[in-house]
Amino acid sequence: HRMSDETIALVGELPRPANQEAYERLILGVYNRRSELVNGAPSYVKASDGRFMLWHDGRGWCVGFASDKGRPRGYIRLSSDKKRLEDAIGTWQVNTEKGLG
């Protein structure tokens, strides 16, 4: 859900098996756009917890630890070649490609 050009809000329920209250508290929330591009796409940091980011890994969008930015790692992933998150269409999935980080 896009709030402005600078802000993204991740809301709803996480896909199973990550649909756990702890993950939802960590991942869901407002993300602010950063000036740094990651893999040629905008990147975002969680407003309430800078440990978490949203980035494009070259083949899709990931949400996970800031230390993993740019890599195909994270808790959830949206497969898309779109470099603007608001143009990406699909369903977020639990990231099984590289585990949870």
N, C-alpha and C. Protein backbone atom coordinates (compact mmCIF):
# COMPACT_ATOMS: atom_id res chain seq x y z
N HIS A 1 0.85 -1.18 0.00
CA HIS A 1 0.00 0.00 0.00
C HIS A 1 0.89 1.23 0.00
N ARG A 2 0.75 2.06 -1.01
CA ARG A 2 1.58 3.26 -1.11
C ARG A 2 0.89 4.42 -0.42
N MET A 3 1.59 5.08 0.50
CA MET A 3 1.05 6.23 1.21
C MET A 3 1.46 7.52 0.50
N SER A 4 2.64 7.57 -0.06
CA SER A 4 3.16 8.70 -0.82
C SER A 4 4.33 8.18 -1.63
N ASP A 5 4.98 9.05 -2.38
CA ASP A 5 6.15 8.62 -3.13
C ASP A 5 7.30 8.23 -2.21
N GLU A 6 7.23 8.64 -0.97
CA GLU A 6 8.32 8.42 -0.03
C GLU A 6 8.04 7.33 0.99
N THR A 7 6.79 6.84 1.05
CA THR A 7 6.40 5.94 2.12
C THR A 7 5.60 4.75 1.58
N ILE A 8 5.90 3.57 2.09
CA ILE A 8 5.18 2.34 1.77
C ILE A 8 4.68 1.76 3.09
N ALA A 9 3.43 1.28 3.11
CA ALA A 9 2.90 0.62 4.30
C ALA A 9 2.64 -0.84 3.98
N LEU A 10 3.27 -1.74 4.73
CA LEU A 10 3.00 -3.17 4.61
C LEU A 10 1.95 -3.51 5.66
N VAL A 11 0.80 -3.97 5.21
CA VAL A 11 -0.32 -4.26 6.10
C VAL A 11 -0.90 -5.62 5.76
N GLY A 12 -1.72 -6.16 6.66
CA GLY A 12 -2.39 -7.43 6.41
C GLY A 12 -1.79 -8.56 7.19
N GLU A 13 -2.01 -9.76 6.66
CA GLU A 13 -1.46 -10.97 7.29
C GLU A 13 -0.33 -11.48 6.42
N LEU A 14 0.69 -12.01 7.07
CA LEU A 14 1.80 -12.59 6.33
C LEU A 14 1.41 -13.96 5.81
N PRO A 15 1.99 -14.37 4.69
CA PRO A 15 1.69 -15.71 4.17
C PRO A 15 2.20 -16.79 5.10
N ARG A 16 1.53 -17.89 5.16
CA ARG A 16 1.97 -19.01 5.99
C ARG A 16 3.22 -19.62 5.39
N PRO A 17 4.16 -20.16 6.13
CA PRO A 17 4.13 -20.36 7.58
C PRO A 17 4.64 -19.17 8.38
N ALA A 18 4.95 -18.06 7.73
CA ALA A 18 5.44 -16.91 8.48
C ALA A 18 4.30 -16.13 9.14
N ASN A 19 3.08 -16.64 9.02
CA ASN A 19 1.94 -15.94 9.59
C ASN A 19 1.92 -16.15 11.10
N GLN A 20 2.85 -15.50 11.74
CA GLN A 20 2.97 -15.58 13.19
C GLN A 20 3.02 -14.17 13.73
N GLU A 21 2.43 -13.98 14.88
CA GLU A 21 2.33 -12.64 15.45
C GLU A 21 3.68 -11.96 15.58
N ALA A 22 4.71 -12.69 15.96
CA ALA A 22 6.03 -12.09 16.13
C ALA A 22 6.56 -11.55 14.81
N TYR A 23 6.44 -12.33 13.74
CA TYR A 23 6.89 -11.87 12.43
C TYR A 23 6.10 -10.66 11.98
N GLU A 24 4.78 -10.70 12.20
CA GLU A 24 3.95 -9.58 11.77
C GLU A 24 4.36 -8.29 12.48
N ARG A 25 4.63 -8.38 13.77
CA ARG A 25 5.07 -7.18 14.51
C ARG A 25 6.39 -6.66 13.96
N LEU A 26 7.28 -7.57 13.58
CA LEU A 26 8.59 -7.17 13.09
C LEU A 26 8.53 -6.60 11.67
N ILE A 27 7.77 -7.24 10.79
CA ILE A 27 7.81 -6.91 9.37
C ILE A 27 6.80 -5.86 8.96
N LEU A 28 5.57 -5.99 9.43
CA LEU A 28 4.53 -5.08 8.99
C LEU A 28 4.72 -3.69 9.57
N GLY A 29 4.33 -2.68 8.82
CA GLY A 29 4.44 -1.30 9.28
C GLY A 29 4.78 -0.36 8.15
N VAL A 30 5.17 0.83 8.51
CA VAL A 30 5.49 1.88 7.55
C VAL A 30 6.99 1.86 7.25
N TYR A 31 7.30 1.93 5.97
CA TYR A 31 8.68 1.97 5.49
C TYR A 31 8.91 3.28 4.74
N ASN A 32 9.99 3.96 5.06
CA ASN A 32 10.32 5.22 4.42
C ASN A 32 11.39 5.02 3.35
N ARG A 33 11.19 5.68 2.23
CA ARG A 33 12.14 5.57 1.13
C ARG A 33 13.48 6.18 1.51
N ARG A 34 14.55 5.49 1.13
CA ARG A 34 15.92 5.96 1.37
C ARG A 34 16.45 6.59 0.09
N SER A 35 17.47 7.40 0.21
CA SER A 35 18.08 8.01 -0.97
C SER A 35 18.91 7.00 -1.76
N GLU A 36 19.37 5.94 -1.09
CA GLU A 36 20.22 4.93 -1.73
C GLU A 36 19.39 3.95 -2.55
N LEU A 37 19.78 3.77 -3.82
CA LEU A 37 19.18 2.73 -4.64
C LEU A 37 19.88 1.41 -4.32
N VAL A 38 19.14 0.33 -4.39
CA VAL A 38 19.68 -1.01 -4.20
C VAL A 38 19.34 -1.81 -5.45
N ASN A 39 20.34 -2.30 -6.14
CA ASN A 39 20.15 -3.01 -7.41
C ASN A 39 19.34 -2.18 -8.40
N GLY A 40 19.57 -0.87 -8.40
CA GLY A 40 18.91 0.02 -9.34
C GLY A 40 17.47 0.36 -9.01
N ALA A 41 17.03 0.02 -7.81
CA ALA A 41 15.64 0.27 -7.41
C ALA A 41 15.62 1.01 -6.07
N PRO A 42 14.52 1.70 -5.80
CA PRO A 42 14.39 2.35 -4.49
C PRO A 42 14.49 1.32 -3.36
N SER A 43 14.95 1.77 -2.22
CA SER A 43 14.96 0.92 -1.03
C SER A 43 14.28 1.68 0.10
N TYR A 44 13.79 0.94 1.07
CA TYR A 44 13.00 1.51 2.15
C TYR A 44 13.47 0.96 3.49
N VAL A 45 13.38 1.77 4.53
CA VAL A 45 13.73 1.33 5.88
C VAL A 45 12.48 1.47 6.75
N LYS A 46 12.28 0.50 7.64
CA LYS A 46 11.11 0.55 8.51
C LYS A 46 11.21 1.74 9.46
N ALA A 47 10.17 2.54 9.50
CA ALA A 47 10.18 3.78 10.28
C ALA A 47 10.39 3.52 11.77
N SER A 48 9.80 2.46 12.30
CA SER A 48 9.87 2.21 13.73
C SER A 48 11.01 1.28 14.14
N ASP A 49 11.76 0.74 13.16
CA ASP A 49 12.82 -0.21 13.49
C ASP A 49 13.80 -0.30 12.32
N GLY A 50 14.88 0.44 12.40
CA GLY A 50 15.86 0.51 11.33
C GLY A 50 16.57 -0.79 11.01
N ARG A 51 16.33 -1.84 11.77
CA ARG A 51 16.93 -3.14 11.46
C ARG A 51 16.29 -3.78 10.24
N PHE A 52 15.10 -3.31 9.85
CA PHE A 52 14.35 -3.94 8.76
C PHE A 52 14.25 -3.02 7.56
N MET A 53 14.38 -3.63 6.39
CA MET A 53 14.33 -2.89 5.14
C MET A 53 13.51 -3.64 4.10
N LEU A 54 13.19 -2.93 3.04
CA LEU A 54 12.50 -3.46 1.87
C LEU A 54 13.36 -3.07 0.67
N TRP A 55 13.72 -4.03 -0.20
CA TRP A 55 14.62 -3.76 -1.32
C TRP A 55 14.33 -4.70 -2.47
N HIS A 56 14.87 -4.36 -3.64
CA HIS A 56 14.77 -5.23 -4.81
C HIS A 56 16.07 -6.02 -4.91
N ASP A 57 15.97 -7.33 -5.08
CA ASP A 57 17.18 -8.16 -5.12
C ASP A 57 17.66 -8.46 -6.54
N GLY A 58 17.03 -7.83 -7.53
CA GLY A 58 17.37 -8.09 -8.92
C GLY A 58 16.32 -8.91 -9.62
N ARG A 59 15.57 -9.71 -8.85
CA ARG A 59 14.50 -10.54 -9.42
C ARG A 59 13.19 -10.39 -8.66
N GLY A 60 13.21 -9.64 -7.57
CA GLY A 60 11.98 -9.46 -6.79
C GLY A 60 12.22 -8.58 -5.57
N TRP A 61 11.16 -8.28 -4.86
CA TRP A 61 11.21 -7.43 -3.67
C TRP A 61 11.29 -8.29 -2.42
N CYS A 62 12.16 -7.91 -1.50
CA CYS A 62 12.36 -8.64 -0.25
C CYS A 62 12.14 -7.71 0.94
N VAL A 63 11.68 -8.30 2.03
CA VAL A 63 11.60 -7.60 3.31
C VAL A 63 12.39 -8.44 4.30
N GLY A 64 13.38 -7.80 4.93
CA GLY A 64 14.20 -8.54 5.88
C GLY A 64 15.16 -7.62 6.60
N PHE A 65 16.19 -8.21 7.14
CA PHE A 65 17.18 -7.44 7.89
C PHE A 65 17.96 -6.52 6.96
N ALA A 66 18.25 -5.32 7.44
CA ALA A 66 19.02 -4.35 6.67
C ALA A 66 20.38 -4.91 6.26
N SER A 67 20.95 -5.76 7.08
CA SER A 67 22.26 -6.34 6.79
C SER A 67 22.24 -7.24 5.55
N ASP A 68 21.04 -7.66 5.11
CA ASP A 68 20.90 -8.52 3.93
C ASP A 68 20.49 -7.75 2.68
N LYS A 69 20.39 -6.42 2.77
CA LYS A 69 19.86 -5.65 1.64
C LYS A 69 20.62 -5.95 0.35
N GLY A 70 19.85 -6.05 -0.71
CA GLY A 70 20.40 -6.32 -2.02
C GLY A 70 20.48 -7.79 -2.38
N ARG A 71 20.44 -8.64 -1.38
CA ARG A 71 20.55 -10.08 -1.61
C ARG A 71 19.16 -10.74 -1.58
N PRO A 72 19.00 -11.91 -2.17
CA PRO A 72 17.71 -12.61 -2.17
C PRO A 72 17.45 -13.29 -0.83
N ARG A 73 17.42 -12.50 0.22
CA ARG A 73 17.21 -13.00 1.56
C ARG A 73 16.15 -12.15 2.22
N GLY A 74 15.56 -12.65 3.26
CA GLY A 74 14.54 -11.91 3.97
C GLY A 74 13.42 -12.84 4.40
N TYR A 75 12.42 -12.27 4.99
CA TYR A 75 11.29 -13.06 5.49
C TYR A 75 10.27 -13.34 4.41
N ILE A 76 9.94 -12.30 3.64
CA ILE A 76 8.96 -12.46 2.58
C ILE A 76 9.50 -11.86 1.30
N ARG A 77 8.95 -12.33 0.17
CA ARG A 77 9.46 -11.92 -1.14
C ARG A 77 8.31 -11.85 -2.14
N LEU A 78 8.39 -10.87 -3.02
CA LEU A 78 7.43 -10.70 -4.11
C LEU A 78 8.21 -10.77 -5.41
N SER A 79 8.01 -11.84 -6.18
CA SER A 79 8.73 -11.99 -7.45
C SER A 79 8.24 -10.95 -8.44
N SER A 80 9.15 -10.13 -8.94
CA SER A 80 8.80 -9.10 -9.92
C SER A 80 10.07 -8.47 -10.47
N ASP A 81 10.08 -8.25 -11.78
CA ASP A 81 11.21 -7.54 -12.37
C ASP A 81 11.00 -6.03 -12.34
N LYS A 82 9.86 -5.58 -11.81
CA LYS A 82 9.56 -4.15 -11.73
C LYS A 82 10.44 -3.49 -10.68
N LYS A 83 11.09 -2.40 -11.07
CA LYS A 83 12.01 -1.70 -10.16
C LYS A 83 11.30 -0.67 -9.29
N ARG A 84 10.01 -0.47 -9.52
CA ARG A 84 9.20 0.38 -8.64
C ARG A 84 8.19 -0.54 -7.97
N LEU A 85 8.20 -0.57 -6.66
CA LEU A 85 7.33 -1.48 -5.92
C LEU A 85 5.87 -1.27 -6.28
N GLU A 86 5.48 -0.02 -6.50
CA GLU A 86 4.08 0.25 -6.81
C GLU A 86 3.65 -0.32 -8.16
N ASP A 87 4.61 -0.70 -9.02
CA ASP A 87 4.31 -1.32 -10.30
C ASP A 87 4.30 -2.85 -10.22
N ALA A 88 4.79 -3.40 -9.13
CA ALA A 88 4.88 -4.86 -8.98
C ALA A 88 3.50 -5.43 -8.66
N ILE A 89 3.17 -6.51 -9.34
CA ILE A 89 1.89 -7.18 -9.13
C ILE A 89 2.18 -8.63 -8.75
N GLY A 90 1.49 -9.11 -7.74
CA GLY A 90 1.68 -10.49 -7.33
C GLY A 90 1.35 -10.66 -5.87
N THR A 91 1.69 -11.81 -5.36
CA THR A 91 1.43 -12.16 -3.96
C THR A 91 2.75 -12.35 -3.23
N TRP A 92 2.87 -11.72 -2.08
CA TRP A 92 4.06 -11.93 -1.24
C TRP A 92 4.08 -13.39 -0.79
N GLN A 93 5.26 -13.98 -0.84
CA GLN A 93 5.45 -15.36 -0.42
C GLN A 93 6.53 -15.45 0.65
N VAL A 94 6.47 -16.48 1.47
CA VAL A 94 7.56 -16.75 2.40
C VAL A 94 8.78 -17.04 1.55
N ASN A 95 9.90 -16.40 1.86
CA ASN A 95 11.11 -16.56 1.08
C ASN A 95 11.79 -17.87 1.46
N THR A 96 11.76 -18.82 0.55
CA THR A 96 12.41 -20.12 0.80
C THR A 96 13.70 -20.27 0.02
N GLU A 97 13.99 -19.30 -0.85
CA GLU A 97 15.18 -19.42 -1.72
C GLU A 97 16.47 -19.49 -0.92
N LYS A 98 16.62 -18.62 0.05
CA LYS A 98 17.86 -18.57 0.83
C LYS A 98 17.58 -18.62 2.33
N GLY A 99 16.39 -19.00 2.70
CA GLY A 99 16.07 -19.03 4.13
C GLY A 99 15.72 -17.66 4.65
N LEU A 100 15.76 -17.52 5.92
CA LEU A 100 15.33 -16.28 6.56
C LEU A 100 16.47 -15.33 6.85
N GLY A 101 17.60 -15.54 6.35
CA GLY A 101 18.69 -14.59 6.58
C GLY A 101 19.86 -15.21 7.15
